[in-house]
């Protein structure tokens, strides 16, 4: 995790600890709430703006740096063996995904054929592998970063490729909250690298938005699966028309 990310995450923790909302912060530093949210999402602080926020918090930069250094070391990926453990038990994988989405245990048990005891056992297994910390009353603290991702071409992604690609894409993508864009272009190597970097940024931005929205009541949130992909590709029908 970069130093900038550590500092901004520490700043957000300090805001939450002091009960300072984005709206309240925006009012005190002369910005709109939307601009403040964008500031944190894009991590585009100037030194002057950072100092303004620190004044609101009653902190100096040294204290912020100390808070960042004391933050728990979060993981960005599981190991291959840990992913295999998840994929080997459907209920364990379900509980892991639910934990990532901050779904309360009681909601999970109400929605799926899963007892509370089974859910807790899965949480204990996730605690043992360092995915989360199980706290009293079945509350959890995730030990993964906001930009946590599955191993490229690892057990989880391979499972998704085999089991879910057809089901996920078997839709018209014309309903509320749905979108499908298929874009075929020819780019230079530099433009291709820029495209991939932009896609990574978009994924990271929505991961951070997920964390921000986690503060909302459960009933005000709904599941969205966001798939980004880019690679050199030609349909097989076109390939059959290629000259020798």
Protein backbone atom coordinates (compact mmCIF):
# COMPACT_ATOMS: atom_id res chain seq x y z
CA UNK A 1 0.00 0.00 0.00
CA UNK A 2 1.41 3.42 -0.94
CA UNK A 3 2.33 6.09 1.61
CA UNK A 4 -0.37 8.38 0.22
CA UNK A 5 -3.04 5.71 0.68
CA UNK A 6 -1.89 5.08 4.27
CA UNK A 7 -2.12 8.80 5.09
CA UNK A 8 -5.55 9.29 3.51
CA UNK A 9 -6.92 6.17 5.19
CA UNK A 10 -5.56 7.43 8.52
CA UNK A 11 -7.21 10.79 7.87
CA UNK A 12 -10.56 9.10 7.25
CA UNK A 13 -10.21 7.06 10.44
CA UNK A 14 -9.57 10.23 12.41
CA UNK A 15 -12.66 11.88 10.91
CA UNK A 16 -14.77 8.88 11.84
CA UNK A 17 -13.28 8.70 15.34
CA UNK A 18 -14.20 12.33 15.96
CA UNK A 19 -17.63 12.02 14.37
CA UNK A 20 -16.83 14.55 11.63
CA UNK A 21 -18.94 13.84 8.53
CA UNK A 22 -17.97 14.86 5.01
CA UNK A 23 -20.79 17.41 5.10
CA UNK A 24 -19.49 18.97 8.32
CA UNK A 25 -15.91 18.96 7.02
CA UNK A 26 -17.00 20.57 3.75
CA UNK A 27 -18.69 23.40 5.61
CA UNK A 28 -15.62 24.09 7.75
CA UNK A 29 -13.12 24.16 4.88
CA UNK A 30 -15.33 25.99 2.37
CA UNK A 31 -16.04 23.18 -0.09
CA UNK A 32 -19.13 21.31 -1.23
CA UNK A 33 -19.77 17.85 0.21
CA UNK A 34 -19.43 16.34 -3.28
CA UNK A 35 -16.02 17.98 -3.70
CA UNK A 36 -14.85 16.62 -0.35
CA UNK A 37 -15.97 13.10 -1.30
CA UNK A 38 -14.13 13.41 -4.60
CA UNK A 39 -11.05 14.69 -2.77
CA UNK A 40 -10.89 11.54 -0.65
CA UNK A 41 -11.87 9.19 -3.48
CA UNK A 42 -9.18 10.52 -5.81
CA UNK A 43 -6.66 11.20 -3.01
CA UNK A 44 -5.92 14.53 -4.67
CA UNK A 45 -5.00 16.60 -1.60
CA UNK A 46 -2.78 19.65 -1.89
CA UNK A 47 -0.65 20.41 1.15
CA UNK A 48 -2.80 23.47 1.82
CA UNK A 49 -6.02 21.43 1.74
CA UNK A 50 -4.50 18.72 3.93
CA UNK A 51 -3.50 21.34 6.48
CA UNK A 52 -7.08 22.70 6.52
CA UNK A 53 -8.45 19.24 7.30
CA UNK A 54 -5.85 18.71 10.02
CA UNK A 55 -6.86 22.02 11.63
CA UNK A 56 -10.47 20.82 11.77
CA UNK A 57 -9.26 17.61 13.43
CA UNK A 58 -6.96 19.45 15.82
CA UNK A 59 -3.96 17.46 14.58
CA UNK A 60 -0.64 18.20 12.97
CA UNK A 61 1.10 16.29 10.19
CA UNK A 62 3.38 14.42 12.60
CA UNK A 63 0.35 13.06 14.49
CA UNK A 64 -1.26 11.99 11.22
CA UNK A 65 1.92 10.20 10.15
CA UNK A 66 2.05 8.44 13.51
CA UNK A 67 -1.59 7.35 13.15
CA UNK A 68 -0.83 6.01 9.67
CA UNK A 69 2.19 4.08 10.95
CA UNK A 70 0.10 2.51 13.72
CA UNK A 71 -2.55 1.25 11.31
CA UNK A 72 -2.87 -2.54 11.04
CA UNK A 73 -1.16 -4.04 8.03
CA UNK A 74 -3.97 -5.07 5.72
CA UNK A 75 -3.70 -7.63 2.96
CA UNK A 76 -4.38 -6.95 -0.70
CA UNK A 77 -4.71 -10.62 -1.70
CA UNK A 78 -5.07 -14.03 -0.11
CA UNK A 79 -2.54 -16.75 -0.82
CA UNK A 80 -3.24 -19.38 -3.46
CA UNK A 81 -3.85 -21.96 -0.71
CA UNK A 82 -6.28 -19.66 1.09
CA UNK A 83 -8.28 -19.07 -2.10
CA UNK A 84 -8.38 -22.84 -2.66
CA UNK A 85 -9.76 -23.26 0.86
CA UNK A 86 -12.52 -20.76 0.09
CA UNK A 87 -13.42 -22.31 -3.24
CA UNK A 88 -13.53 -25.78 -1.67
CA UNK A 89 -16.46 -24.80 0.58
CA UNK A 90 -19.39 -22.93 -0.97
CA UNK A 91 -20.71 -21.76 2.40
CA UNK A 92 -17.27 -20.45 3.40
CA UNK A 93 -17.02 -18.53 0.12
CA UNK A 94 -20.53 -17.14 0.62
CA UNK A 95 -19.68 -15.89 4.11
CA UNK A 96 -16.40 -14.38 2.87
CA UNK A 97 -18.16 -12.45 0.09
CA UNK A 98 -20.86 -11.37 2.54
CA UNK A 99 -18.19 -10.13 4.95
CA UNK A 100 -16.55 -8.15 2.15
CA UNK A 101 -19.94 -6.54 1.50
CA UNK A 102 -20.55 -6.01 5.24
CA UNK A 103 -23.73 -8.08 5.27
CA UNK A 104 -24.83 -8.74 8.89
CA UNK A 105 -24.93 -12.39 9.95
CA UNK A 106 -28.64 -12.23 10.73
CA UNK A 107 -29.37 -11.02 7.19
CA UNK A 108 -27.19 -13.75 5.72
CA UNK A 109 -28.93 -16.47 7.74
CA UNK A 110 -32.36 -15.09 6.80
CA UNK A 111 -31.56 -15.09 3.08
CA UNK A 112 -29.64 -18.38 2.67
CA UNK A 113 -29.91 -21.99 3.82
CA UNK A 114 -27.27 -21.37 6.43
CA UNK A 115 -27.65 -21.62 10.20
CA UNK A 116 -26.17 -19.05 12.55
CA UNK A 117 -23.84 -21.72 13.93
CA UNK A 118 -22.58 -22.54 10.42
CA UNK A 119 -22.08 -18.85 9.67
CA UNK A 120 -20.09 -18.35 12.87
CA UNK A 121 -17.94 -21.41 12.12
CA UNK A 122 -17.14 -19.93 8.71
CA UNK A 123 -16.28 -16.58 10.30
CA UNK A 124 -13.95 -18.37 12.73
CA UNK A 125 -12.18 -20.03 9.78
CA UNK A 126 -11.86 -16.65 8.06
CA UNK A 127 -10.47 -15.25 11.31
CA UNK A 128 -7.84 -18.02 11.44
CA UNK A 129 -6.59 -17.34 7.91
CA UNK A 130 -6.30 -13.60 8.60
CA UNK A 131 -9.19 -12.46 6.40
CA UNK A 132 -11.05 -10.78 9.26
CA UNK A 133 -11.31 -10.49 13.03
CA UNK A 134 -14.48 -11.94 14.59
CA UNK A 135 -15.73 -9.63 17.33
CA UNK A 136 -18.50 -9.99 19.95
CA UNK A 137 -22.09 -10.29 18.69
CA UNK A 138 -20.82 -11.74 15.39
CA UNK A 139 -19.49 -8.39 14.24
CA UNK A 140 -16.40 -8.48 12.04
CA UNK A 141 -13.44 -6.28 11.26
CA UNK A 142 -12.01 -6.90 7.81
CA UNK A 143 -8.23 -7.27 7.49
CA UNK A 144 -8.18 -6.61 3.75
CA UNK A 145 -7.50 -3.35 1.95
CA UNK A 146 -10.15 -1.33 0.17
CA UNK A 147 -8.62 -2.40 -3.13
CA UNK A 148 -8.52 -6.10 -2.15
CA UNK A 149 -8.69 -8.39 -5.18
CA UNK A 150 -8.59 -12.06 -6.03
CA UNK A 151 -5.41 -13.55 -7.52
CA UNK A 152 -5.31 -13.07 -11.32
CA UNK A 153 -6.00 -16.49 -12.87
CA UNK A 154 -6.20 -17.88 -9.32
CA UNK A 155 -8.75 -20.30 -7.83
CA UNK A 156 -11.52 -17.69 -7.34
CA UNK A 157 -11.18 -16.13 -10.78
CA UNK A 158 -11.03 -19.57 -12.39
CA UNK A 159 -14.19 -20.58 -10.53
CA UNK A 160 -15.92 -17.42 -11.71
CA UNK A 161 -14.77 -18.07 -15.27
CA UNK A 162 -16.14 -21.64 -15.27
CA UNK A 163 -19.26 -21.22 -13.16
CA UNK A 164 -20.45 -17.65 -13.49
CA UNK A 165 -19.43 -16.11 -16.81
CA UNK A 166 -22.35 -17.59 -18.75
CA UNK A 167 -24.86 -16.83 -15.98
CA UNK A 168 -23.58 -13.28 -15.46
CA UNK A 169 -23.65 -12.39 -19.15
CA UNK A 170 -26.96 -14.15 -19.81
CA UNK A 171 -28.96 -10.90 -19.57
CA UNK A 172 -30.07 -8.03 -21.78
CA UNK A 173 -28.39 -5.41 -19.52
CA UNK A 174 -31.26 -3.00 -20.14
CA UNK A 175 -32.80 -2.88 -16.68
CA UNK A 176 -32.35 -0.40 -13.81
CA UNK A 177 -28.75 -0.40 -12.57
CA UNK A 178 -27.51 -2.40 -15.57
CA UNK A 179 -25.05 -1.46 -18.30
CA UNK A 180 -23.08 -3.33 -20.92
CA UNK A 181 -20.71 -1.58 -23.32
CA UNK A 182 -18.67 -3.51 -25.84
CA UNK A 183 -16.01 -1.29 -27.40
CA UNK A 184 -13.56 -2.48 -30.03
CA UNK A 185 -10.69 -0.11 -30.82
CA UNK A 186 -7.12 -0.12 -32.14
CA UNK A 187 -4.61 1.53 -29.81
CA UNK A 188 -0.90 2.13 -29.57
CA UNK A 189 1.01 0.33 -26.79
CA UNK A 190 1.14 3.59 -24.81
CA UNK A 191 -2.61 4.11 -25.13
CA UNK A 192 -3.25 0.49 -24.15
CA UNK A 193 -1.21 0.94 -20.99
CA UNK A 194 -3.12 4.15 -20.21
CA UNK A 195 -6.43 2.35 -20.71
CA UNK A 196 -5.50 -0.48 -18.33
CA UNK A 197 -4.34 2.00 -15.69
CA UNK A 198 -7.61 3.93 -15.99
CA UNK A 199 -9.61 0.71 -15.57
CA UNK A 200 -7.63 -0.10 -12.42
CA UNK A 201 -8.38 3.38 -11.08
CA UNK A 202 -12.09 2.97 -11.80
CA UNK A 203 -12.15 -0.37 -9.94
CA UNK A 204 -10.30 1.18 -6.98
CA UNK A 205 -12.66 4.16 -6.94
CA UNK A 206 -15.75 1.95 -6.70
CA UNK A 207 -14.08 -0.16 -4.01
CA UNK A 208 -13.67 3.00 -1.96
CA UNK A 209 -17.27 4.00 -2.70
CA UNK A 210 -18.35 0.60 -1.39
CA UNK A 211 -16.60 1.36 1.90
CA UNK A 212 -18.22 4.80 2.14
CA UNK A 213 -21.70 3.37 1.49
CA UNK A 214 -21.13 0.65 4.10
CA UNK A 215 -22.13 3.26 6.69
CA UNK A 216 -25.66 3.34 5.25
CA UNK A 217 -28.41 1.03 6.59
CA UNK A 218 -28.35 -2.43 5.01
CA UNK A 219 -31.73 -1.92 3.34
CA UNK A 220 -30.40 1.13 1.47
CA UNK A 221 -27.72 -0.91 -0.32
CA UNK A 222 -27.94 -3.58 -3.01
CA UNK A 223 -25.44 -5.95 -4.58
CA UNK A 224 -23.73 -4.94 -7.82
CA UNK A 225 -21.19 -7.07 -9.66
CA UNK A 226 -18.81 -4.85 -11.58
CA UNK A 227 -16.77 -6.60 -14.28
CA UNK A 228 -13.87 -4.89 -16.06
CA UNK A 229 -11.93 -6.62 -18.79
CA UNK A 230 -9.62 -5.66 -21.62
CA UNK A 231 -7.39 -7.81 -23.86
CA UNK A 232 -6.38 -8.27 -27.49
CA UNK A 233 -9.19 -10.40 -28.93
CA UNK A 234 -10.79 -11.39 -32.20
CA UNK A 235 -14.03 -13.38 -32.45
CA UNK A 236 -13.46 -16.91 -33.76
CA UNK A 237 -15.85 -16.16 -36.61
CA UNK A 238 -13.41 -13.46 -37.77
CA UNK A 239 -10.41 -15.69 -37.22
CA UNK A 240 -11.85 -18.27 -39.61
CA UNK A 241 -11.86 -15.61 -42.33
CA UNK A 242 -8.15 -14.78 -41.95
CA UNK A 243 -5.93 -15.55 -44.92
CA UNK A 244 -3.15 -18.07 -44.46
